[in-house]
Amino acid sequence: MQKRNEERRRDAHKKITLGGLIVKAGLADIPSNVLLGLLVEGRERIRDPAEEERLARLGDKEFRA
Protein backbone atom coordinates (compact mmCIF):
# COMPACT_ATOMS: atom_id res chain seq x y z
CA MET A 1 0.00 0.00 0.00
CA GLN A 2 2.78 2.45 0.88
CA LYS A 3 4.57 1.68 -2.42
CA ARG A 4 1.39 2.46 -4.36
CA ASN A 5 0.98 5.76 -2.49
CA GLU A 6 4.57 6.69 -3.31
CA GLU A 7 3.98 5.90 -7.00
CA ARG A 8 0.83 8.02 -6.99
CA ARG A 9 2.68 10.90 -5.31
CA ARG A 10 5.47 10.74 -7.91
CA ASP A 11 2.92 10.61 -10.73
CA ALA A 12 1.06 13.64 -9.33
CA HIS A 13 4.33 15.56 -8.95
CA LYS A 14 5.29 14.78 -12.55
CA LYS A 15 1.93 15.99 -13.84
CA ILE A 16 2.10 19.18 -11.79
CA THR A 17 5.62 19.84 -13.09
CA LEU A 18 4.54 19.29 -16.70
CA GLY A 19 1.56 21.59 -16.18
CA GLY A 20 3.93 24.23 -14.87
CA LEU A 21 5.95 23.99 -18.06
CA ILE A 22 2.80 24.56 -20.11
CA VAL A 23 2.08 27.70 -18.06
CA LYS A 24 5.70 28.93 -18.28
CA ALA A 25 5.63 28.52 -22.06
CA GLY A 26 2.50 30.70 -22.22
CA LEU A 27 0.36 27.88 -23.59
CA ALA A 28 -2.17 27.49 -20.77
CA ASP A 29 -4.97 29.28 -22.62
CA ILE A 30 -4.83 27.48 -25.95
CA PRO A 31 -7.27 24.66 -26.75
CA SER A 32 -6.12 21.26 -25.54
CA ASN A 33 -6.27 19.75 -29.04
CA VAL A 34 -3.90 22.46 -30.33
CA LEU A 35 -1.55 21.87 -27.40
CA LEU A 36 -1.53 18.14 -28.04
CA GLY A 37 -0.84 18.78 -31.72
CA LEU A 38 2.14 20.97 -30.80
CA LEU A 39 3.51 18.28 -28.53
CA VAL A 40 3.07 15.53 -31.12
CA GLU A 41 4.78 17.66 -33.76
CA GLY A 42 7.59 18.41 -31.31
CA ARG A 43 8.00 14.71 -30.60
CA GLU A 44 8.52 14.13 -34.31
CA ARG A 45 10.93 17.06 -34.68
CA ILE A 46 13.26 16.00 -31.87
CA ARG A 47 14.09 12.81 -33.72
CA ASP A 48 16.61 15.04 -35.47
CA PRO A 49 19.48 15.46 -32.96
CA ALA A 50 20.29 18.95 -34.25
CA GLU A 51 16.70 20.06 -33.73
CA GLU A 52 16.63 18.53 -30.25
CA GLU A 53 19.80 20.43 -29.38
CA ARG A 54 18.37 23.69 -30.76
CA LEU A 55 15.19 23.26 -28.74
CA ALA A 56 17.18 22.39 -25.61
CA ARG A 57 19.12 25.65 -25.95
CA LEU A 58 15.88 27.56 -26.40
CA GLY A 59 14.39 25.88 -23.32
CA ASP A 60 17.48 26.65 -21.26
CA LYS A 61 17.20 30.31 -22.30
CA GLU A 62 13.53 30.40 -21.22
CA PHE A 63 14.32 28.82 -17.84
CA ARG A 64 16.87 31.57 -17.20
CA ALA A 65 14.42 34.33 -18.25
PDB file of N, CA and C in Angstrom:
ATOM      1  N   MET A   1       0.822  -1.196   0.000  1.00  0.00           N
ATOM      2  CA  MET A   1       0.000   0.000   0.000  1.00  0.00           C
ATOM      3  C   MET A   1       0.868   1.264   0.000  1.00  0.00           C
ATOM      4  N   GLN A   2       1.915   1.275   0.806  1.00  0.00           N
ATOM      5  CA  GLN A   2       2.785   2.446   0.877  1.00  0.00           C
ATOM      6  C   GLN A   2       3.503   2.671  -0.461  1.00  0.00           C
ATOM      7  N   LYS A   3       3.904   1.560  -1.118  1.00  0.00           N
ATOM      8  CA  LYS A   3       4.572   1.678  -2.416  1.00  0.00           C
ATOM      9  C   LYS A   3       3.632   2.309  -3.440  1.00  0.00           C
ATOM     10  N   ARG A   4       2.380   1.895  -3.430  1.00  0.00           N
ATOM     11  CA  ARG A   4       1.394   2.459  -4.357  1.00  0.00           C
ATOM     12  C   ARG A   4       1.185   3.946  -4.086  1.00  0.00           C
ATOM     13  N   ASN A   5       1.128   4.340  -2.834  1.00  0.00           N
ATOM     14  CA  ASN A   5       0.976   5.756  -2.494  1.00  0.00           C
ATOM     15  C   ASN A   5       2.177   6.570  -2.984  1.00  0.00           C
ATOM     16  N   GLU A   6       3.364   6.003  -2.845  1.00  0.00           N
ATOM     17  CA  GLU A   6       4.573   6.691  -3.315  1.00  0.00           C
ATOM     18  C   GLU A   6       4.536   6.847  -4.837  1.00  0.00           C
ATOM     19  N   GLU A   7       4.094   5.818  -5.539  1.00  0.00           N
ATOM     20  CA  GLU A   7       3.980   5.896  -6.996  1.00  0.00           C
ATOM     21  C   GLU A   7       2.965   6.959  -7.397  1.00  0.00           C
ATOM     22  N   ARG A   8       1.849   7.018  -6.696  1.00  0.00           N
ATOM     23  CA  ARG A   8       0.825   8.019  -6.991  1.00  0.00           C
ATOM     24  C   ARG A   8       1.344   9.429  -6.717  1.00  0.00           C
ATOM     25  N   ARG A   9       2.109   9.589  -5.636  1.00  0.00           N
ATOM     26  CA  ARG A   9       2.681  10.895  -5.308  1.00  0.00           C
ATOM     27  C   ARG A   9       3.655  11.337  -6.393  1.00  0.00           C
ATOM     28  N   ARG A  10       4.510  10.411  -6.842  1.00  0.00           N
ATOM     29  CA  ARG A  10       5.471  10.739  -7.912  1.00  0.00           C
ATOM     30  C   ARG A  10       4.744  11.099  -9.205  1.00  0.00           C
ATOM     31  N   ASP A  11       3.688  10.344  -9.522  1.00  0.00           N
ATOM     32  CA  ASP A  11       2.917  10.609 -10.728  1.00  0.00           C
ATOM     33  C   ASP A  11       2.266  11.992 -10.647  1.00  0.00           C
ATOM     34  N   ALA A  12       1.687  12.322  -9.506  1.00  0.00           N
ATOM     35  CA  ALA A  12       1.057  13.637  -9.332  1.00  0.00           C
ATOM     36  C   ALA A  12       2.098  14.750  -9.460  1.00  0.00           C
ATOM     37  N   HIS A  13       3.267  14.556  -8.869  1.00  0.00           N
ATOM     38  CA  HIS A  13       4.332  15.563  -8.952  1.00  0.00           C
ATOM     39  C   HIS A  13       4.765  15.778 -10.405  1.00  0.00           C
ATOM     40  N   LYS A  14       4.893  14.685 -11.138  1.00  0.00           N
ATOM     41  CA  LYS A  14       5.292  14.781 -12.546  1.00  0.00           C
ATOM     42  C   LYS A  14       4.263  15.573 -13.347  1.00  0.00           C
ATOM     43  N   LYS A  15       2.987  15.291 -13.113  1.00  0.00           N
ATOM     44  CA  LYS A  15       1.926  15.989 -13.842  1.00  0.00           C
ATOM     45  C   LYS A  15       1.883  17.468 -13.481  1.00  0.00           C
ATOM     46  N   ILE A  16       2.077  17.783 -12.213  1.00  0.00           N
ATOM     47  CA  ILE A  16       2.105  19.185 -11.788  1.00  0.00           C
ATOM     48  C   ILE A  16       3.280  19.907 -12.440  1.00  0.00           C
ATOM     49  N   THR A  17       4.436  19.261 -12.468  1.00  0.00           N
ATOM     50  CA  THR A  17       5.624  19.841 -13.086  1.00  0.00           C
ATOM     51  C   THR A  17       5.388  20.098 -14.576  1.00  0.00           C
ATOM     52  N   LEU A  18       4.816  19.119 -15.270  1.00  0.00           N
ATOM     53  CA  LEU A  18       4.545  19.287 -16.701  1.00  0.00           C
ATOM     54  C   LEU A  18       3.531  20.404 -16.932  1.00  0.00           C
ATOM     55  N   GLY A  19       2.527  20.501 -16.076  1.00  0.00           N
ATOM     56  CA  GLY A  19       1.561  21.588 -16.178  1.00  0.00           C
ATOM     57  C   GLY A  19       2.230  22.939 -15.996  1.00  0.00           C
ATOM     58  N   GLY A  20       3.185  22.998 -15.086  1.00  0.00           N
ATOM     59  CA  GLY A  20       3.930  24.234 -14.866  1.00  0.00           C
ATOM     60  C   GLY A  20       4.712  24.655 -16.103  1.00  0.00           C
ATOM     61  N   LEU A  21       5.235  23.672 -16.820  1.00  0.00           N
ATOM     62  CA  LEU A  21       5.950  23.986 -18.058  1.00  0.00           C
ATOM     63  C   LEU A  21       5.009  24.567 -19.101  1.00  0.00           C
ATOM     64  N   ILE A  22       3.805  24.046 -19.168  1.00  0.00           N
ATOM     65  CA  ILE A  22       2.804  24.564 -20.110  1.00  0.00           C
ATOM     66  C   ILE A  22       2.509  26.032 -19.782  1.00  0.00           C
ATOM     67  N   VAL A  23       2.348  26.322 -18.491  1.00  0.00           N
ATOM     68  CA  VAL A  23       2.078  27.701 -18.065  1.00  0.00           C
ATOM     69  C   VAL A  23       3.275  28.593 -18.381  1.00  0.00           C
ATOM     70  N   LYS A  24       4.492  28.138 -18.046  1.00  0.00           N
ATOM     71  CA  LYS A  24       5.702  28.935 -18.277  1.00  0.00           C
ATOM     72  C   LYS A  24       5.878  29.245 -19.759  1.00  0.00           C
ATOM     73  N   ALA A  25       5.498  28.311 -20.616  1.00  0.00           N
ATOM     74  CA  ALA A  25       5.626  28.520 -22.061  1.00  0.00           C
ATOM     75  C   ALA A  25       4.526  29.431 -22.610  1.00  0.00           C
ATOM     76  N   GLY A  26       3.576  29.824 -21.768  1.00  0.00           N
ATOM     77  CA  GLY A  26       2.499  30.699 -22.223  1.00  0.00           C
ATOM     78  C   GLY A  26       1.444  29.985 -23.036  1.00  0.00           C
ATOM     79  N   LEU A  27       1.287  28.681 -22.788  1.00  0.00           N
ATOM     80  CA  LEU A  27       0.359  27.882 -23.588  1.00  0.00           C
ATOM     81  C   LEU A  27      -0.875  27.426 -22.817  1.00  0.00           C
ATOM     82  N   ALA A  28      -1.083  27.965 -21.628  1.00  0.00           N
ATOM     83  CA  ALA A  28      -2.171  27.488 -20.772  1.00  0.00           C
ATOM     84  C   ALA A  28      -3.558  27.821 -21.319  1.00  0.00           C
ATOM     85  N   ASP A  29      -3.658  28.838 -22.154  1.00  0.00           N
ATOM     86  CA  ASP A  29      -4.969  29.278 -22.620  1.00  0.00           C
ATOM     87  C   ASP A  29      -5.333  28.800 -24.023  1.00  0.00           C
ATOM     88  N   ILE A  30      -4.495  27.964 -24.618  1.00  0.00           N
ATOM     89  CA  ILE A  30      -4.833  27.479 -25.954  1.00  0.00           C
ATOM     90  C   ILE A  30      -5.661  26.196 -25.823  1.00  0.00           C
ATOM     91  N   PRO A  31      -6.458  25.882 -26.819  1.00  0.00           N
ATOM     92  CA  PRO A  31      -7.268  24.660 -26.753  1.00  0.00           C
ATOM     93  C   PRO A  31      -6.394  23.408 -26.588  1.00  0.00           C
ATOM     94  N   SER A  32      -6.903  22.458 -25.840  1.00  0.00           N
ATOM     95  CA  SER A  32      -6.118  21.258 -25.543  1.00  0.00           C
ATOM     96  C   SER A  32      -5.754  20.477 -26.803  1.00  0.00           C
ATOM     97  N   ASN A  33      -6.613  20.484 -27.823  1.00  0.00           N
ATOM     98  CA  ASN A  33      -6.266  19.748 -29.038  1.00  0.00           C
ATOM     99  C   ASN A  33      -5.104  20.410 -29.777  1.00  0.00           C
ATOM    100  N   VAL A  34      -5.019  21.741 -29.709  1.00  0.00           N
ATOM    101  CA  VAL A  34      -3.898  22.456 -30.326  1.00  0.00           C
ATOM    102  C   VAL A  34      -2.618  22.150 -29.548  1.00  0.00           C
ATOM    103  N   LEU A  35      -2.704  22.185 -28.231  1.00  0.00           N
ATOM    104  CA  LEU A  35      -1.547  21.870 -27.396  1.00  0.00           C
ATOM    105  C   LEU A  35      -1.049  20.459 -27.672  1.00  0.00           C
ATOM    106  N   LEU A  36      -1.946  19.509 -27.738  1.00  0.00           N
ATOM    107  CA  LEU A  36      -1.531  18.137 -28.035  1.00  0.00           C
ATOM    108  C   LEU A  36      -0.892  18.055 -29.416  1.00  0.00           C
ATOM    109  N   GLY A  37      -1.443  18.758 -30.388  1.00  0.00           N
ATOM    110  CA  GLY A  37      -0.839  18.784 -31.724  1.00  0.00           C
ATOM    111  C   GLY A  37       0.575  19.342 -31.700  1.00  0.00           C
ATOM    112  N   LEU A  38       0.790  20.406 -30.935  1.00  0.00           N
ATOM    113  CA  LEU A  38       2.136  20.970 -30.803  1.00  0.00           C
ATOM    114  C   LEU A  38       3.100  19.953 -30.206  1.00  0.00           C
ATOM    115  N   LEU A  39       2.645  19.256 -29.188  1.00  0.00           N
ATOM    116  CA  LEU A  39       3.506  18.275 -28.533  1.00  0.00           C
ATOM    117  C   LEU A  39       3.826  17.100 -29.449  1.00  0.00           C
ATOM    118  N   VAL A  40       2.840  16.648 -30.188  1.00  0.00           N
ATOM    119  CA  VAL A  40       3.066  15.535 -31.121  1.00  0.00           C
ATOM    120  C   VAL A  40       4.042  15.965 -32.214  1.00  0.00           C
ATOM    121  N   GLU A  41       3.854  17.167 -32.741  1.00  0.00           N
ATOM    122  CA  GLU A  41       4.782  17.660 -33.757  1.00  0.00           C
ATOM    123  C   GLU A  41       6.189  17.789 -33.181  1.00  0.00           C
ATOM    124  N   GLY A  42       6.288  18.296 -31.968  1.00  0.00           N
ATOM    125  CA  GLY A  42       7.590  18.410 -31.313  1.00  0.00           C
ATOM    126  C   GLY A  42       8.252  17.061 -31.125  1.00  0.00           C
ATOM    127  N   ARG A  43       7.465  16.066 -30.768  1.00  0.00           N
ATOM    128  CA  ARG A  43       8.002  14.709 -30.601  1.00  0.00           C
ATOM    129  C   ARG A  43       8.632  14.219 -31.905  1.00  0.00           C
ATOM    130  N   GLU A  44       7.987  14.529 -33.010  1.00  0.00           N
ATOM    131  CA  GLU A  44       8.525  14.129 -34.310  1.00  0.00           C
ATOM    132  C   GLU A  44       9.800  14.915 -34.641  1.00  0.00           C
ATOM    133  N   ARG A  45       9.793  16.203 -34.330  1.00  0.00           N
ATOM    134  CA  ARG A  45      10.927  17.057 -34.685  1.00  0.00           C
ATOM    135  C   ARG A  45      12.190  16.708 -33.906  1.00  0.00           C
ATOM    136  N   ILE A  46      12.055  16.268 -32.656  1.00  0.00           N
ATOM    137  CA  ILE A  46      13.261  15.999 -31.867  1.00  0.00           C
ATOM    138  C   ILE A  46      13.923  14.679 -32.238  1.00  0.00           C
ATOM    139  N   ARG A  47      13.381  13.989 -33.210  1.00  0.00           N
ATOM    140  CA  ARG A  47      14.086  12.808 -33.717  1.00  0.00           C
ATOM    141  C   ARG A  47      15.366  13.220 -34.441  1.00  0.00           C
ATOM    142  N   ASP A  48      15.408  14.470 -34.859  1.00  0.00           N
ATOM    143  CA  ASP A  48      16.614  15.040 -35.469  1.00  0.00           C
ATOM    144  C   ASP A  48      17.466  15.595 -34.325  1.00  0.00           C
ATOM    145  N   PRO A  49      18.650  15.009 -34.087  1.00  0.00           N
ATOM    146  CA  PRO A  49      19.482  15.458 -32.963  1.00  0.00           C
ATOM    147  C   PRO A  49      19.808  16.948 -32.985  1.00  0.00           C
ATOM    148  N   ALA A  50      19.996  17.520 -34.158  1.00  0.00           N
ATOM    149  CA  ALA A  50      20.295  18.948 -34.251  1.00  0.00           C
ATOM    150  C   ALA A  50      19.098  19.777 -33.792  1.00  0.00           C
ATOM    151  N   GLU A  51      17.909  19.342 -34.144  1.00  0.00           N
ATOM    152  CA  GLU A  51      16.696  20.056 -33.727  1.00  0.00           C
ATOM    153  C   GLU A  51      16.477  19.903 -32.222  1.00  0.00           C
ATOM    154  N   GLU A  52      16.753  18.734 -31.698  1.00  0.00           N
ATOM    155  CA  GLU A  52      16.632  18.530 -30.253  1.00  0.00           C
ATOM    156  C   GLU A  52      17.599  19.449 -29.507  1.00  0.00           C
ATOM    157  N   GLU A  53      18.807  19.557 -30.009  1.00  0.00           N
ATOM    158  CA  GLU A  53      19.803  20.432 -29.383  1.00  0.00           C
ATOM    159  C   GLU A  53      19.368  21.897 -29.459  1.00  0.00           C
ATOM    160  N   ARG A  54      18.840  22.314 -30.593  1.00  0.00           N
ATOM    161  CA  ARG A  54      18.370  23.690 -30.756  1.00  0.00           C
ATOM    162  C   ARG A  54      17.236  23.987 -29.769  1.00  0.00           C
ATOM    163  N   LEU A  55      16.305  23.068 -29.655  1.00  0.00           N
ATOM    164  CA  LEU A  55      15.186  23.262 -28.737  1.00  0.00           C
ATOM    165  C   LEU A  55      15.640  23.235 -27.280  1.00  0.00           C
ATOM    166  N   ALA A  56      16.633  22.417 -26.968  1.00  0.00           N
ATOM    167  CA  ALA A  56      17.179  22.388 -25.609  1.00  0.00           C
ATOM    168  C   ALA A  56      17.803  23.733 -25.255  1.00  0.00           C
ATOM    169  N   ARG A  57      18.523  24.325 -26.191  1.00  0.00           N
ATOM    170  CA  ARG A  57      19.118  25.655 -25.946  1.00  0.00           C
ATOM    171  C   ARG A  57      18.031  26.696 -25.738  1.00  0.00           C
ATOM    172  N   LEU A  58      16.994  26.638 -26.531  1.00  0.00           N
ATOM    173  CA  LEU A  58      15.880  27.563 -26.398  1.00  0.00           C
ATOM    174  C   LEU A  58      15.211  27.387 -25.033  1.00  0.00           C
ATOM    175  N   GLY A  59      14.996  26.151 -24.636  1.00  0.00           N
ATOM    176  CA  GLY A  59      14.388  25.883 -23.322  1.00  0.00           C
ATOM    177  C   GLY A  59      15.249  26.378 -22.191  1.00  0.00           C
ATOM    178  N   ASP A  60      16.563  26.150 -22.289  1.00  0.00           N
ATOM    179  CA  ASP A  60      17.485  26.649 -21.259  1.00  0.00           C
ATOM    180  C   ASP A  60      17.388  28.167 -21.138  1.00  0.00           C
ATOM    181  N   LYS A  61      17.318  28.843 -22.280  1.00  0.00           N
ATOM    182  CA  LYS A  61      17.199  30.307 -22.299  1.00  0.00           C
ATOM    183  C   LYS A  61      15.914  30.748 -21.593  1.00  0.00           C
ATOM    184  N   GLU A  62      14.819  30.046 -21.850  1.00  0.00           N
ATOM    185  CA  GLU A  62      13.535  30.397 -21.221  1.00  0.00           C
ATOM    186  C   GLU A  62      13.557  30.143 -19.721  1.00  0.00           C
ATOM    187  N   PHE A  63      14.223  29.088 -19.276  1.00  0.00           N
ATOM    188  CA  PHE A  63      14.323  28.821 -17.842  1.00  0.00           C
ATOM    189  C   PHE A  63      15.083  29.939 -17.137  1.00  0.00           C
ATOM    190  N   ARG A  64      16.074  30.500 -17.805  1.00  0.00           N
ATOM    191  CA  ARG A  64      16.873  31.571 -17.202  1.00  0.00           C
ATOM    192  C   ARG A  64      16.155  32.920 -17.235  1.00  0.00           C
ATOM    193  N   ALA A  65      15.145  33.045 -18.106  1.00  0.00           N
ATOM    194  CA  ALA A  65      14.418  34.332 -18.253  1.00  0.00           C
ATOM    195  C   ALA A  65      13.526  34.612 -17.054  1.00  0.00           C
TER     196      ALA A  65
END
